[in-house]
């Protein structure tokens, strides 16, 4: 868990709510670049990648961050989650004073490609896709030779060579549900090195390789306070996110938490 400071900028136009941002480290380069100069952003709080693998841990970390921000920064009026549902780990998180806003997204890939519609269209056309990005490659070891060798060494040290080989066969069987490594290029971070790394992973796995241009519009608008109902859900104090079974992805639900009116 960490905190990054943002330089204050000079803004014109209608007043924007004072904002705190909570993000997954996978998107740190993109958020730092887009948030630069946005003077209404008073705090950026970074959480480690991988919490979505245990949704309760993600939920706990988000709730803790919200509570610290509300307690220590009274000037903050709204909190932006740079997350999606993320294995439903963002469900149930609530605030007592601030509004919380999140894009209608299943996971961070929607934020990289720019819309839930574009994400859904790509996955429908290429159902065996495993996504890569500069941040994903940096904070997580994705499928490829580096992951294989790292896991094999860990398993051999812990379980012995024979059991390690069996566990690696199980790991490789999981990879068989995929056939494509798709790299999202949003233009931030070590893009070219990450793209080359992704291509090497694809070749080793005998997967197809694809490189798609990202779209920063959704992420930029999340940070900049441009929250239309089509792309974002804004919670009032005492409300939480809830997964839906339609293209809306998420909705609002009232939680049993005492709340004070927001000032946004």
Protein backbone atom coordinates (compact mmCIF):
# COMPACT_ATOMS: atom_id res chain seq x y z
CA UNK A 1 0.00 0.00 0.00
CA UNK A 2 1.50 3.35 -0.93
CA UNK A 3 0.85 7.02 -1.57
CA UNK A 4 1.98 9.20 -4.45
CA UNK A 5 1.90 12.99 -4.32
CA UNK A 6 0.41 14.96 -7.21
CA UNK A 7 1.55 18.49 -8.13
CA UNK A 8 -1.21 21.08 -7.98
CA UNK A 9 -2.16 22.55 -11.33
CA UNK A 10 -4.04 25.59 -12.54
CA UNK A 11 -7.56 24.89 -13.68
CA UNK A 12 -10.17 26.91 -15.52
CA UNK A 13 -13.87 26.30 -15.97
CA UNK A 14 -16.41 24.91 -13.49
CA UNK A 15 -15.12 23.86 -10.10
CA UNK A 16 -14.35 20.16 -9.83
CA UNK A 17 -14.74 18.18 -6.61
CA UNK A 18 -11.58 17.66 -4.59
CA UNK A 19 -10.65 14.11 -5.47
CA UNK A 20 -8.66 11.25 -3.99
CA UNK A 21 -7.69 8.37 -6.26
CA UNK A 22 -7.23 4.74 -5.24
CA UNK A 23 -5.60 2.58 -7.89
CA UNK A 24 -4.07 -0.80 -8.57
CA UNK A 25 -0.32 -0.56 -9.15
CA UNK A 26 -0.82 -2.08 -12.62
CA UNK A 27 -2.09 1.34 -13.75
CA UNK A 28 0.42 3.57 -11.93
CA UNK A 29 2.20 4.86 -15.07
CA UNK A 30 -1.06 5.70 -16.82
CA UNK A 31 -2.59 7.41 -13.77
CA UNK A 32 0.54 9.42 -12.96
CA UNK A 33 0.76 10.68 -16.54
CA UNK A 34 -2.91 11.57 -16.90
CA UNK A 35 -3.28 13.07 -13.41
CA UNK A 36 -0.30 15.39 -13.77
CA UNK A 37 -1.49 18.98 -13.41
CA UNK A 38 -5.02 18.07 -12.31
CA UNK A 39 -5.15 20.36 -9.29
CA UNK A 40 -8.39 18.94 -7.93
CA UNK A 41 -6.63 15.61 -7.23
CA UNK A 42 -5.32 15.82 -3.66
CA UNK A 43 -4.11 12.28 -3.11
CA UNK A 44 -3.23 9.15 -5.05
CA UNK A 45 -3.28 5.91 -3.06
CA UNK A 46 -1.71 2.87 -4.70
CA UNK A 47 -2.56 -0.72 -3.77
CA UNK A 48 -0.50 -3.76 -4.78
CA UNK A 49 -1.40 -5.86 -7.79
CA UNK A 50 -2.92 -9.27 -7.13
CA UNK A 51 -5.47 -8.40 -4.44
CA UNK A 52 -8.26 -9.39 -6.84
CA UNK A 53 -7.09 -12.99 -6.52
CA UNK A 54 -8.55 -12.86 -3.00
CA UNK A 55 -11.59 -10.55 -3.34
CA UNK A 56 -12.04 -10.17 0.42
CA UNK A 57 -8.49 -8.79 0.69
CA UNK A 58 -9.15 -6.29 -2.09
CA UNK A 59 -12.40 -5.24 -0.44
CA UNK A 60 -10.64 -4.80 2.91
CA UNK A 61 -7.80 -2.77 1.37
CA UNK A 62 -10.19 -0.48 -0.51
CA UNK A 63 -12.34 0.05 2.58
CA UNK A 64 -9.29 0.84 4.70
CA UNK A 65 -8.04 3.37 2.15
CA UNK A 66 -11.46 5.05 2.00
CA UNK A 67 -11.63 5.33 5.78
CA UNK A 68 -8.13 6.81 6.06
CA UNK A 69 -8.85 9.37 3.33
CA UNK A 70 -12.16 10.40 4.89
CA UNK A 71 -10.56 10.73 8.32
CA UNK A 72 -7.34 12.54 7.41
CA UNK A 73 -8.33 14.65 4.41
CA UNK A 74 -11.55 16.57 5.10
CA UNK A 75 -11.12 18.58 1.90
CA UNK A 76 -11.65 15.45 -0.24
CA UNK A 77 -15.22 15.26 -1.54
CA UNK A 78 -15.07 12.26 -3.87
CA UNK A 79 -12.91 9.15 -4.24
CA UNK A 80 -12.19 7.60 -7.64
CA UNK A 81 -11.57 3.86 -7.78
CA UNK A 82 -9.21 3.02 -10.66
CA UNK A 83 -10.62 -0.49 -10.62
CA UNK A 84 -13.45 -2.48 -12.10
CA UNK A 85 -15.42 -5.23 -10.41
CA UNK A 86 -12.12 -7.15 -10.19
CA UNK A 87 -13.47 -10.53 -9.08
CA UNK A 88 -16.19 -8.57 -7.23
CA UNK A 89 -13.60 -7.28 -4.78
CA UNK A 90 -14.92 -3.72 -5.14
CA UNK A 91 -18.44 -4.75 -4.10
CA UNK A 92 -19.51 -3.72 -0.62
CA UNK A 93 -17.01 -0.90 -0.16
CA UNK A 94 -18.69 2.27 1.08
CA UNK A 95 -17.97 5.76 2.39
CA UNK A 96 -19.54 7.75 5.20
CA UNK A 97 -18.89 11.24 3.85
CA UNK A 98 -17.48 11.15 0.32
CA UNK A 99 -18.91 10.04 -2.98
CA UNK A 100 -17.18 7.09 -4.67
CA UNK A 101 -16.97 6.82 -8.46
CA UNK A 102 -15.90 3.89 -10.62
CA UNK A 103 -16.08 3.12 -14.32
CA UNK A 104 -18.52 0.48 -15.53
CA UNK A 105 -15.82 -2.14 -15.98
CA UNK A 106 -15.19 -5.78 -15.18
CA UNK A 107 -11.45 -5.17 -14.72
CA UNK A 108 -8.59 -2.83 -15.56
CA UNK A 109 -8.49 -3.83 -19.24
CA UNK A 110 -11.65 -1.83 -19.88
CA UNK A 111 -9.83 1.25 -18.55
CA UNK A 112 -6.97 0.59 -20.98
CA UNK A 113 -9.06 -0.01 -24.11
CA UNK A 114 -11.41 2.88 -23.35
CA UNK A 115 -14.89 1.39 -23.01
CA UNK A 116 -16.79 -1.66 -21.86
CA UNK A 117 -18.22 -2.00 -25.38
CA UNK A 118 -14.81 -2.19 -27.04
CA UNK A 119 -13.64 -4.69 -24.44
CA UNK A 120 -16.74 -6.87 -24.93
CA UNK A 121 -16.41 -6.76 -28.72
CA UNK A 122 -12.78 -7.84 -28.62
CA UNK A 123 -13.36 -10.68 -26.17
CA UNK A 124 -16.34 -11.90 -28.21
CA UNK A 125 -14.18 -11.99 -31.34
CA UNK A 126 -11.16 -13.49 -29.54
CA UNK A 127 -12.41 -15.52 -26.54
CA UNK A 128 -9.00 -17.07 -25.81
CA UNK A 129 -7.30 -13.75 -25.05
CA UNK A 130 -4.83 -13.17 -22.23
CA UNK A 131 -4.10 -9.47 -21.79
CA UNK A 132 -0.70 -7.86 -21.32
CA UNK A 133 0.30 -4.23 -20.67
CA UNK A 134 3.40 -2.40 -19.40
CA UNK A 135 2.00 -2.27 -15.87
CA UNK A 136 0.71 -5.83 -15.94
CA UNK A 137 4.10 -7.12 -17.09
CA UNK A 138 5.89 -5.05 -14.42
CA UNK A 139 3.82 -5.96 -11.37
CA UNK A 140 2.84 -9.51 -12.31
CA UNK A 141 4.69 -12.31 -14.06
CA UNK A 142 2.33 -13.23 -16.92
CA UNK A 143 2.27 -16.53 -18.83
CA UNK A 144 5.57 -17.11 -20.58
CA UNK A 145 9.04 -18.58 -20.02
CA UNK A 146 9.88 -16.31 -17.07
CA UNK A 147 6.77 -17.41 -15.21
CA UNK A 148 7.39 -21.06 -16.03
CA UNK A 149 10.98 -21.03 -14.78
CA UNK A 150 10.11 -19.05 -11.66
CA UNK A 151 7.27 -21.38 -10.68
CA UNK A 152 9.28 -24.51 -11.47
CA UNK A 153 12.06 -23.36 -9.14
CA UNK A 154 9.58 -22.52 -6.38
CA UNK A 155 7.82 -25.87 -6.69
CA UNK A 156 11.08 -27.84 -6.74
CA UNK A 157 12.29 -26.09 -3.59
CA UNK A 158 9.00 -26.66 -1.80
CA UNK A 159 7.75 -30.03 -3.07
CA UNK A 160 10.65 -31.77 -4.81
CA UNK A 161 11.32 -32.41 -8.50
CA UNK A 162 8.66 -35.06 -9.20
CA UNK A 163 5.79 -33.13 -7.63
CA UNK A 164 7.06 -29.93 -9.24
CA UNK A 165 6.77 -31.47 -12.70
CA UNK A 166 3.19 -32.55 -11.99
CA UNK A 167 2.25 -29.09 -10.74
CA UNK A 168 3.78 -27.49 -13.82
CA UNK A 169 1.71 -29.79 -16.04
CA UNK A 170 -1.38 -28.53 -14.22
CA UNK A 171 -0.21 -24.96 -14.76
CA UNK A 172 0.32 -25.56 -18.47
CA UNK A 173 -3.13 -27.15 -18.78
CA UNK A 174 -4.63 -23.92 -17.40
CA UNK A 175 -2.86 -22.02 -20.18
CA UNK A 176 -4.52 -24.25 -22.78
CA UNK A 177 -7.73 -22.23 -22.42
CA UNK A 178 -5.91 -19.30 -24.07
CA UNK A 179 -4.53 -18.91 -27.58
CA UNK A 180 -3.75 -15.20 -27.90
CA UNK A 181 -1.51 -12.69 -26.10
CA UNK A 182 -2.90 -9.19 -26.63
CA UNK A 183 -0.77 -6.22 -25.68
CA UNK A 184 -2.58 -2.94 -24.95
CA UNK A 185 -0.55 0.13 -25.88
CA UNK A 186 -1.83 3.26 -24.15
CA UNK A 187 1.42 5.12 -24.72
CA UNK A 188 2.63 5.33 -21.11
CA UNK A 189 5.40 3.45 -19.37
CA UNK A 190 8.03 1.23 -21.05
CA UNK A 191 5.75 0.43 -23.98
CA UNK A 192 8.21 -0.95 -26.53
CA UNK A 193 10.08 -3.18 -24.07
CA UNK A 194 6.77 -4.48 -22.74
CA UNK A 195 5.52 -5.19 -26.26
CA UNK A 196 8.67 -7.15 -27.12
CA UNK A 197 8.35 -9.10 -23.88
CA UNK A 198 4.72 -9.94 -24.68
CA UNK A 199 5.67 -11.14 -28.18
CA UNK A 200 8.35 -13.39 -26.67
CA UNK A 201 5.77 -14.85 -24.28
CA UNK A 202 3.34 -15.46 -27.14
CA UNK A 203 6.00 -17.19 -29.24
CA UNK A 204 7.05 -19.42 -26.32
CA UNK A 205 3.44 -20.37 -25.61
CA UNK A 206 2.69 -20.81 -29.33
CA UNK A 207 -0.09 -18.24 -29.05
CA UNK A 208 -1.08 -15.59 -31.54
CA UNK A 209 0.22 -12.10 -30.77
CA UNK A 210 -1.83 -8.96 -31.14
CA UNK A 211 -1.07 -5.35 -30.32
CA UNK A 212 -3.99 -2.98 -29.90
CA UNK A 213 -3.99 0.77 -29.42
CA UNK A 214 -5.40 1.80 -26.08
CA UNK A 215 -7.78 4.70 -25.49
CA UNK A 216 -7.11 6.96 -22.50
CA UNK A 217 -10.49 8.70 -22.67
CA UNK A 218 -12.26 6.64 -20.02
CA UNK A 219 -9.41 6.80 -17.52
CA UNK A 220 -8.84 10.50 -18.15
CA UNK A 221 -12.50 11.32 -17.58
CA UNK A 222 -12.54 9.24 -14.39
CA UNK A 223 -9.68 11.33 -13.03
CA UNK A 224 -10.98 14.62 -14.41
CA UNK A 225 -14.48 14.38 -12.95
CA UNK A 226 -16.39 13.90 -16.21
CA UNK A 227 -18.75 11.23 -14.89
CA UNK A 228 -21.70 10.49 -17.17
CA UNK A 229 -24.12 7.71 -16.22
CA UNK A 230 -23.37 5.70 -19.35
CA UNK A 231 -19.74 5.08 -18.39
CA UNK A 232 -19.57 5.63 -14.62
CA UNK A 233 -21.42 4.86 -11.42
CA UNK A 234 -21.26 7.48 -8.66
CA UNK A 235 -22.12 6.29 -5.16
CA UNK A 236 -23.64 8.48 -2.51
CA UNK A 237 -22.38 7.98 1.06
CA UNK A 238 -23.70 4.70 2.45
CA UNK A 239 -24.04 3.06 -0.97
CA UNK A 240 -21.96 0.30 -2.54
CA UNK A 241 -21.32 -1.21 -5.96
CA UNK A 242 -23.20 -4.31 -7.09
CA UNK A 243 -22.57 -6.46 -10.15
CA UNK A 244 -25.34 -6.58 -12.76
CA UNK A 245 -26.08 -9.20 -15.38
CA UNK A 246 -26.26 -6.71 -18.26
CA UNK A 247 -23.95 -4.36 -20.14
CA UNK A 248 -24.21 -1.85 -17.32
CA UNK A 249 -21.74 -4.09 -15.43
CA UNK A 250 -22.32 -2.40 -12.05
CA UNK A 251 -25.08 -0.55 -10.22
CA UNK A 252 -25.63 1.18 -6.88
CA UNK A 253 -27.05 -0.49 -3.80
CA UNK A 254 -27.85 0.98 -0.39
CA UNK A 255 -25.76 -0.49 2.43
CA UNK A 256 -26.57 -0.43 6.13
CA UNK A 257 -23.99 2.20 7.04
CA UNK A 258 -24.75 5.53 8.68
CA UNK A 259 -23.77 8.35 6.34
CA UNK A 260 -23.48 12.10 6.22
CA UNK A 261 -24.55 14.08 3.13
CA UNK A 262 -21.78 14.64 0.60
CA UNK A 263 -20.83 18.19 -0.33
CA UNK A 264 -20.01 17.50 -3.99
